[in-house]
Amino acid sequence: QVQLVESGGGLVQAGGSLRLSCAASGSIFSINSMGWYRQTPGKQRELVVAITSSGRTNYADYVKGRFTISRDNAKSTVYLQMNSLKPEDTAVYYCNANLHVRMLSVSYDYWGQGTQVTVSS
């Protein structure tokens, strides 16, 4: 099985910083992309940022210049450095990975359990 384990959420004041981590483990053959999504009550889950196997990134406009995605390929881990946090960044953040499982030819989307980020004003 494949598992995504997230950590790093918490409570911070506006203008503060947090770093989220997401580690993929299991029978992984290759990872096509990894990224972060977020969701608040009453809203659909939305993309924050994603990174492909080639290193190409896709940031949502509302986080450009404040958030940075990075990765450690050897550990199959992706990070989200969040700076200059705003109250509107408050949400549950979910890690996503599109990957190939060993012994299978098809790729699948996998999701972490989510980690709460709360930004106070």
N, C-alpha and C. Protein backbone atom coordinates (compact mmCIF):
# COMPACT_ATOMS: atom_id res chain seq x y z
N GLN A 1 0.83 -1.19 0.00
CA GLN A 1 0.00 0.00 0.00
C GLN A 1 0.87 1.25 0.00
N VAL A 2 0.28 2.35 -0.46
CA VAL A 2 0.93 3.65 -0.46
C VAL A 2 0.29 4.50 0.62
N GLN A 3 1.11 5.22 1.34
CA GLN A 3 0.63 6.07 2.42
C GLN A 3 1.30 7.43 2.33
N LEU A 4 0.53 8.49 2.53
CA LEU A 4 1.04 9.84 2.62
C LEU A 4 0.83 10.33 4.04
N VAL A 5 1.91 10.70 4.69
CA VAL A 5 1.85 11.15 6.07
C VAL A 5 2.24 12.62 6.13
N GLU A 6 1.33 13.45 6.64
CA GLU A 6 1.52 14.88 6.72
C GLU A 6 1.83 15.31 8.15
N SER A 7 2.55 16.42 8.26
CA SER A 7 2.82 16.99 9.56
C SER A 7 3.17 18.47 9.39
N GLY A 8 3.16 19.21 10.49
CA GLY A 8 3.61 20.58 10.47
C GLY A 8 2.55 21.64 10.65
N GLY A 9 1.29 21.25 10.66
CA GLY A 9 0.23 22.22 10.85
C GLY A 9 0.22 22.75 12.27
N GLY A 10 -0.53 23.83 12.46
CA GLY A 10 -0.61 24.42 13.78
C GLY A 10 -1.27 25.77 13.75
N LEU A 11 -1.13 26.48 14.86
CA LEU A 11 -1.71 27.81 15.04
C LEU A 11 -0.60 28.85 15.05
N VAL A 12 -0.74 29.85 14.19
CA VAL A 12 0.22 30.94 14.12
C VAL A 12 -0.50 32.27 13.99
N GLN A 13 0.20 33.34 14.33
CA GLN A 13 -0.34 34.67 14.13
C GLN A 13 -0.13 35.13 12.69
N ALA A 14 -0.95 36.05 12.26
CA ALA A 14 -0.78 36.62 10.93
C ALA A 14 0.64 37.16 10.76
N GLY A 15 1.23 36.86 9.62
CA GLY A 15 2.60 37.25 9.36
C GLY A 15 3.62 36.19 9.73
N GLY A 16 3.19 35.16 10.42
CA GLY A 16 4.08 34.10 10.84
C GLY A 16 4.31 33.07 9.75
N SER A 17 5.03 32.01 10.13
CA SER A 17 5.43 30.99 9.17
C SER A 17 5.18 29.59 9.72
N LEU A 18 4.97 28.66 8.81
CA LEU A 18 4.87 27.25 9.11
C LEU A 18 5.50 26.47 7.96
N ARG A 19 5.97 25.27 8.25
CA ARG A 19 6.44 24.38 7.21
C ARG A 19 5.74 23.04 7.33
N LEU A 20 5.06 22.66 6.27
CA LEU A 20 4.37 21.39 6.21
C LEU A 20 5.25 20.36 5.51
N SER A 21 5.12 19.12 5.95
CA SER A 21 5.86 18.02 5.36
C SER A 21 4.89 16.92 4.95
N CYS A 22 5.23 16.23 3.88
CA CYS A 22 4.44 15.10 3.41
C CYS A 22 5.39 14.03 2.89
N ALA A 23 5.36 12.88 3.52
CA ALA A 23 6.22 11.78 3.13
C ALA A 23 5.40 10.65 2.54
N ALA A 24 5.78 10.22 1.36
CA ALA A 24 5.13 9.09 0.70
C ALA A 24 5.92 7.82 0.97
N SER A 25 5.21 6.77 1.29
CA SER A 25 5.87 5.50 1.56
C SER A 25 5.05 4.36 1.00
N GLY A 26 5.68 3.21 0.86
CA GLY A 26 5.01 2.03 0.33
C GLY A 26 5.67 1.54 -0.94
N SER A 27 4.91 0.78 -1.70
CA SER A 27 5.43 0.17 -2.92
C SER A 27 5.35 1.15 -4.09
N ILE A 28 6.21 2.15 -4.05
CA ILE A 28 6.21 3.22 -5.04
C ILE A 28 7.25 2.93 -6.11
N PHE A 29 6.82 2.97 -7.35
CA PHE A 29 7.74 2.82 -8.47
C PHE A 29 8.28 4.17 -8.92
N SER A 30 7.40 5.12 -9.10
CA SER A 30 7.81 6.47 -9.48
C SER A 30 6.70 7.44 -9.11
N ILE A 31 7.08 8.70 -8.94
CA ILE A 31 6.14 9.75 -8.59
C ILE A 31 6.05 10.73 -9.74
N ASN A 32 4.85 10.94 -10.25
CA ASN A 32 4.65 11.87 -11.35
C ASN A 32 4.60 13.31 -10.85
N SER A 33 3.92 13.52 -9.74
CA SER A 33 3.81 14.85 -9.17
C SER A 33 3.37 14.74 -7.72
N MET A 34 3.66 15.78 -6.97
CA MET A 34 3.17 15.91 -5.61
C MET A 34 2.74 17.36 -5.41
N GLY A 35 1.83 17.56 -4.49
CA GLY A 35 1.37 18.91 -4.27
C GLY A 35 0.55 19.06 -3.02
N TRP A 36 0.08 20.27 -2.83
CA TRP A 36 -0.71 20.62 -1.67
C TRP A 36 -2.02 21.25 -2.10
N TYR A 37 -3.09 20.84 -1.46
CA TYR A 37 -4.42 21.41 -1.64
C TYR A 37 -4.93 21.84 -0.28
N ARG A 38 -5.92 22.72 -0.28
CA ARG A 38 -6.50 23.12 0.99
C ARG A 38 -8.01 23.24 0.87
N GLN A 39 -8.68 23.14 2.02
CA GLN A 39 -10.12 23.14 2.04
C GLN A 39 -10.63 23.74 3.34
N THR A 40 -11.64 24.58 3.23
CA THR A 40 -12.33 25.14 4.38
C THR A 40 -13.79 24.72 4.32
N PRO A 41 -14.50 24.75 5.46
CA PRO A 41 -15.91 24.35 5.44
C PRO A 41 -16.73 25.18 4.45
N GLY A 42 -17.52 24.51 3.64
CA GLY A 42 -18.35 25.18 2.67
C GLY A 42 -17.67 25.47 1.35
N LYS A 43 -16.40 25.13 1.23
CA LYS A 43 -15.67 25.36 -0.01
C LYS A 43 -15.14 24.04 -0.56
N GLN A 44 -14.91 24.04 -1.87
CA GLN A 44 -14.29 22.89 -2.51
C GLN A 44 -12.79 22.90 -2.26
N ARG A 45 -12.20 21.74 -2.31
CA ARG A 45 -10.77 21.64 -2.17
C ARG A 45 -10.09 22.33 -3.36
N GLU A 46 -9.07 23.13 -3.08
CA GLU A 46 -8.43 23.90 -4.12
C GLU A 46 -6.91 23.70 -4.10
N LEU A 47 -6.33 23.84 -5.26
CA LEU A 47 -4.88 23.68 -5.40
C LEU A 47 -4.15 24.83 -4.74
N VAL A 48 -3.13 24.50 -3.98
CA VAL A 48 -2.20 25.50 -3.44
C VAL A 48 -0.97 25.56 -4.33
N VAL A 49 -0.31 24.42 -4.49
CA VAL A 49 0.86 24.32 -5.36
C VAL A 49 1.13 22.86 -5.65
N ALA A 50 1.68 22.59 -6.82
CA ALA A 50 2.09 21.24 -7.19
C ALA A 50 3.45 21.30 -7.86
N ILE A 51 4.16 20.19 -7.80
CA ILE A 51 5.47 20.10 -8.44
C ILE A 51 5.55 18.77 -9.17
N THR A 52 6.04 18.80 -10.40
CA THR A 52 6.15 17.60 -11.21
C THR A 52 7.50 16.94 -11.00
N SER A 53 7.65 15.77 -11.59
CA SER A 53 8.91 15.04 -11.48
C SER A 53 10.08 15.80 -12.10
N SER A 54 9.80 16.67 -13.06
CA SER A 54 10.83 17.46 -13.70
C SER A 54 11.18 18.72 -12.91
N GLY A 55 10.42 19.00 -11.85
CA GLY A 55 10.67 20.17 -11.04
C GLY A 55 9.82 21.37 -11.39
N ARG A 56 8.96 21.26 -12.36
CA ARG A 56 8.07 22.35 -12.72
C ARG A 56 7.02 22.55 -11.63
N THR A 57 6.77 23.80 -11.29
CA THR A 57 5.82 24.13 -10.23
C THR A 57 4.63 24.90 -10.77
N ASN A 58 3.53 24.78 -10.06
CA ASN A 58 2.31 25.49 -10.40
C ASN A 58 1.70 26.02 -9.11
N TYR A 59 1.82 27.33 -8.90
CA TYR A 59 1.33 27.97 -7.69
C TYR A 59 0.00 28.66 -7.93
N ALA A 60 -0.88 28.58 -6.95
CA ALA A 60 -2.07 29.40 -6.97
C ALA A 60 -1.67 30.86 -6.80
N ASP A 61 -2.41 31.77 -7.43
CA ASP A 61 -2.05 33.18 -7.39
C ASP A 61 -1.99 33.73 -5.97
N TYR A 62 -2.85 33.26 -5.11
CA TYR A 62 -2.94 33.84 -3.77
C TYR A 62 -1.79 33.46 -2.86
N VAL A 63 -0.91 32.55 -3.30
CA VAL A 63 0.23 32.18 -2.47
C VAL A 63 1.57 32.52 -3.12
N LYS A 64 1.56 33.01 -4.34
CA LYS A 64 2.81 33.35 -5.02
C LYS A 64 3.56 34.42 -4.24
N GLY A 65 4.84 34.17 -4.04
CA GLY A 65 5.67 35.10 -3.29
C GLY A 65 5.66 34.86 -1.81
N ARG A 66 4.78 34.01 -1.31
CA ARG A 66 4.68 33.72 0.12
C ARG A 66 4.97 32.26 0.44
N PHE A 67 4.50 31.35 -0.41
CA PHE A 67 4.68 29.92 -0.18
C PHE A 67 5.71 29.37 -1.15
N THR A 68 6.45 28.37 -0.71
CA THR A 68 7.44 27.72 -1.55
C THR A 68 7.36 26.21 -1.36
N ILE A 69 7.27 25.48 -2.46
CA ILE A 69 7.28 24.04 -2.40
C ILE A 69 8.69 23.54 -2.68
N SER A 70 9.08 22.50 -1.99
CA SER A 70 10.37 21.87 -2.21
C SER A 70 10.23 20.37 -2.02
N ARG A 71 11.24 19.63 -2.41
CA ARG A 71 11.15 18.18 -2.35
C ARG A 71 12.49 17.55 -2.03
N ASP A 72 12.41 16.36 -1.49
CA ASP A 72 13.56 15.51 -1.27
C ASP A 72 13.22 14.19 -1.97
N ASN A 73 13.71 14.04 -3.18
CA ASN A 73 13.34 12.88 -3.98
C ASN A 73 13.78 11.56 -3.35
N ALA A 74 14.92 11.56 -2.70
CA ALA A 74 15.41 10.34 -2.08
C ALA A 74 14.48 9.85 -0.98
N LYS A 75 13.79 10.77 -0.33
CA LYS A 75 12.87 10.43 0.75
C LYS A 75 11.41 10.45 0.32
N SER A 76 11.16 10.73 -0.95
CA SER A 76 9.79 10.86 -1.47
C SER A 76 8.98 11.80 -0.60
N THR A 77 9.58 12.93 -0.28
CA THR A 77 8.97 13.89 0.63
C THR A 77 8.87 15.25 -0.03
N VAL A 78 7.76 15.91 0.19
CA VAL A 78 7.55 17.26 -0.30
C VAL A 78 7.26 18.17 0.89
N TYR A 79 7.72 19.41 0.80
CA TYR A 79 7.55 20.38 1.86
C TYR A 79 6.81 21.61 1.32
N LEU A 80 6.12 22.27 2.21
CA LEU A 80 5.50 23.54 1.88
C LEU A 80 5.91 24.56 2.93
N GLN A 81 6.78 25.48 2.54
CA GLN A 81 7.18 26.57 3.42
C GLN A 81 6.20 27.71 3.24
N MET A 82 5.50 28.07 4.29
CA MET A 82 4.48 29.10 4.24
C MET A 82 4.94 30.29 5.07
N ASN A 83 5.16 31.41 4.41
CA ASN A 83 5.57 32.65 5.06
C ASN A 83 4.49 33.71 4.88
N SER A 84 4.57 34.74 5.69
CA SER A 84 3.62 35.85 5.62
C SER A 84 2.18 35.35 5.61
N LEU A 85 1.89 34.46 6.52
CA LEU A 85 0.57 33.84 6.57
C LEU A 85 -0.52 34.86 6.89
N LYS A 86 -1.66 34.66 6.27
CA LYS A 86 -2.83 35.51 6.45
C LYS A 86 -3.97 34.70 7.04
N PRO A 87 -4.90 35.36 7.74
CA PRO A 87 -6.05 34.62 8.28
C PRO A 87 -6.81 33.82 7.22
N GLU A 88 -6.87 34.33 6.00
CA GLU A 88 -7.57 33.62 4.94
C GLU A 88 -6.85 32.37 4.47
N ASP A 89 -5.62 32.15 4.96
CA ASP A 89 -4.92 30.90 4.68
C ASP A 89 -5.39 29.76 5.57
N THR A 90 -6.19 30.08 6.57
CA THR A 90 -6.70 29.06 7.48
C THR A 90 -7.49 28.01 6.71
N ALA A 91 -7.10 26.75 6.88
CA ALA A 91 -7.73 25.66 6.16
C ALA A 91 -7.11 24.34 6.60
N VAL A 92 -7.71 23.26 6.16
CA VAL A 92 -7.07 21.96 6.26
C VAL A 92 -6.27 21.76 4.99
N TYR A 93 -5.01 21.47 5.14
CA TYR A 93 -4.12 21.29 4.01
C TYR A 93 -3.89 19.80 3.76
N TYR A 94 -4.08 19.40 2.52
CA TYR A 94 -3.96 18.00 2.13
C TYR A 94 -2.80 17.81 1.16
N CYS A 95 -2.02 16.80 1.40
CA CYS A 95 -0.97 16.41 0.48
C CYS A 95 -1.55 15.49 -0.59
N ASN A 96 -1.10 15.67 -1.80
CA ASN A 96 -1.53 14.84 -2.92
C ASN A 96 -0.31 14.30 -3.66
N ALA A 97 -0.43 13.08 -4.13
CA ALA A 97 0.62 12.50 -4.96
C ALA A 97 -0.01 11.68 -6.07
N ASN A 98 0.50 11.87 -7.27
CA ASN A 98 0.13 11.03 -8.40
C ASN A 98 1.34 10.16 -8.70
N LEU A 99 1.18 8.85 -8.58
CA LEU A 99 2.33 7.98 -8.68
C LEU A 99 1.98 6.61 -9.24
N HIS A 100 3.03 5.93 -9.65
CA HIS A 100 2.91 4.55 -10.08
C HIS A 100 3.28 3.63 -8.94
N VAL A 101 2.43 2.65 -8.70
CA VAL A 101 2.72 1.62 -7.71
C VAL A 101 3.53 0.52 -8.38
N ARG A 102 4.43 -0.06 -7.63
CA ARG A 102 5.23 -1.17 -8.15
C ARG A 102 4.34 -2.31 -8.62
N MET A 103 4.72 -2.89 -9.74
CA MET A 103 4.04 -4.04 -10.35
C MET A 103 2.76 -3.65 -11.10
N LEU A 104 2.45 -2.37 -11.15
CA LEU A 104 1.30 -1.88 -11.88
C LEU A 104 1.74 -0.86 -12.93
N SER A 105 0.99 -0.79 -14.02
CA SER A 105 1.34 0.12 -15.11
C SER A 105 0.57 1.43 -15.07
N VAL A 106 -0.44 1.52 -14.21
CA VAL A 106 -1.29 2.69 -14.15
C VAL A 106 -0.91 3.55 -12.96
N SER A 107 -1.13 4.84 -13.10
CA SER A 107 -0.87 5.76 -12.00
C SER A 107 -2.16 6.09 -11.26
N TYR A 108 -2.02 6.47 -9.99
CA TYR A 108 -3.16 6.78 -9.14
C TYR A 108 -2.89 8.04 -8.34
N ASP A 109 -3.98 8.69 -7.94
CA ASP A 109 -3.90 9.81 -7.02
C ASP A 109 -4.07 9.31 -5.59
N TYR A 110 -3.20 9.78 -4.71
CA TYR A 110 -3.27 9.44 -3.30
C TYR A 110 -3.33 10.72 -2.49
N TRP A 111 -3.98 10.64 -1.33
CA TRP A 111 -4.19 11.81 -0.49
C TRP A 111 -3.77 11.54 0.94
N GLY A 112 -3.21 12.55 1.55
CA GLY A 112 -2.91 12.48 2.97
C GLY A 112 -4.15 12.73 3.79
N GLN A 113 -3.99 12.62 5.10
CA GLN A 113 -5.14 12.75 6.01
C GLN A 113 -5.52 14.20 6.27
N GLY A 114 -4.68 15.13 5.91
CA GLY A 114 -4.93 16.53 6.14
C GLY A 114 -4.31 17.02 7.44
N THR A 115 -3.85 18.26 7.43
CA THR A 115 -3.31 18.88 8.63
C THR A 115 -3.87 20.29 8.73
N GLN A 116 -4.31 20.65 9.93
CA GLN A 116 -4.98 21.93 10.15
C GLN A 116 -3.96 23.06 10.27
N VAL A 117 -4.20 24.12 9.51
CA VAL A 117 -3.44 25.36 9.62
C VAL A 117 -4.41 26.46 10.01
N THR A 118 -4.14 27.11 11.13
CA THR A 118 -4.98 28.20 11.61
C THR A 118 -4.14 29.44 11.80
N VAL A 119 -4.56 30.53 11.18
CA VAL A 119 -3.84 31.80 11.25
C VAL A 119 -4.74 32.81 11.95
N SER A 120 -4.30 33.31 13.07
CA SER A 120 -5.07 34.27 13.84
C SER A 120 -4.71 35.69 13.42
N SER A 121 -5.65 36.60 13.60
CA SER A 121 -5.42 38.00 13.26
C SER A 121 -5.00 38.81 14.47
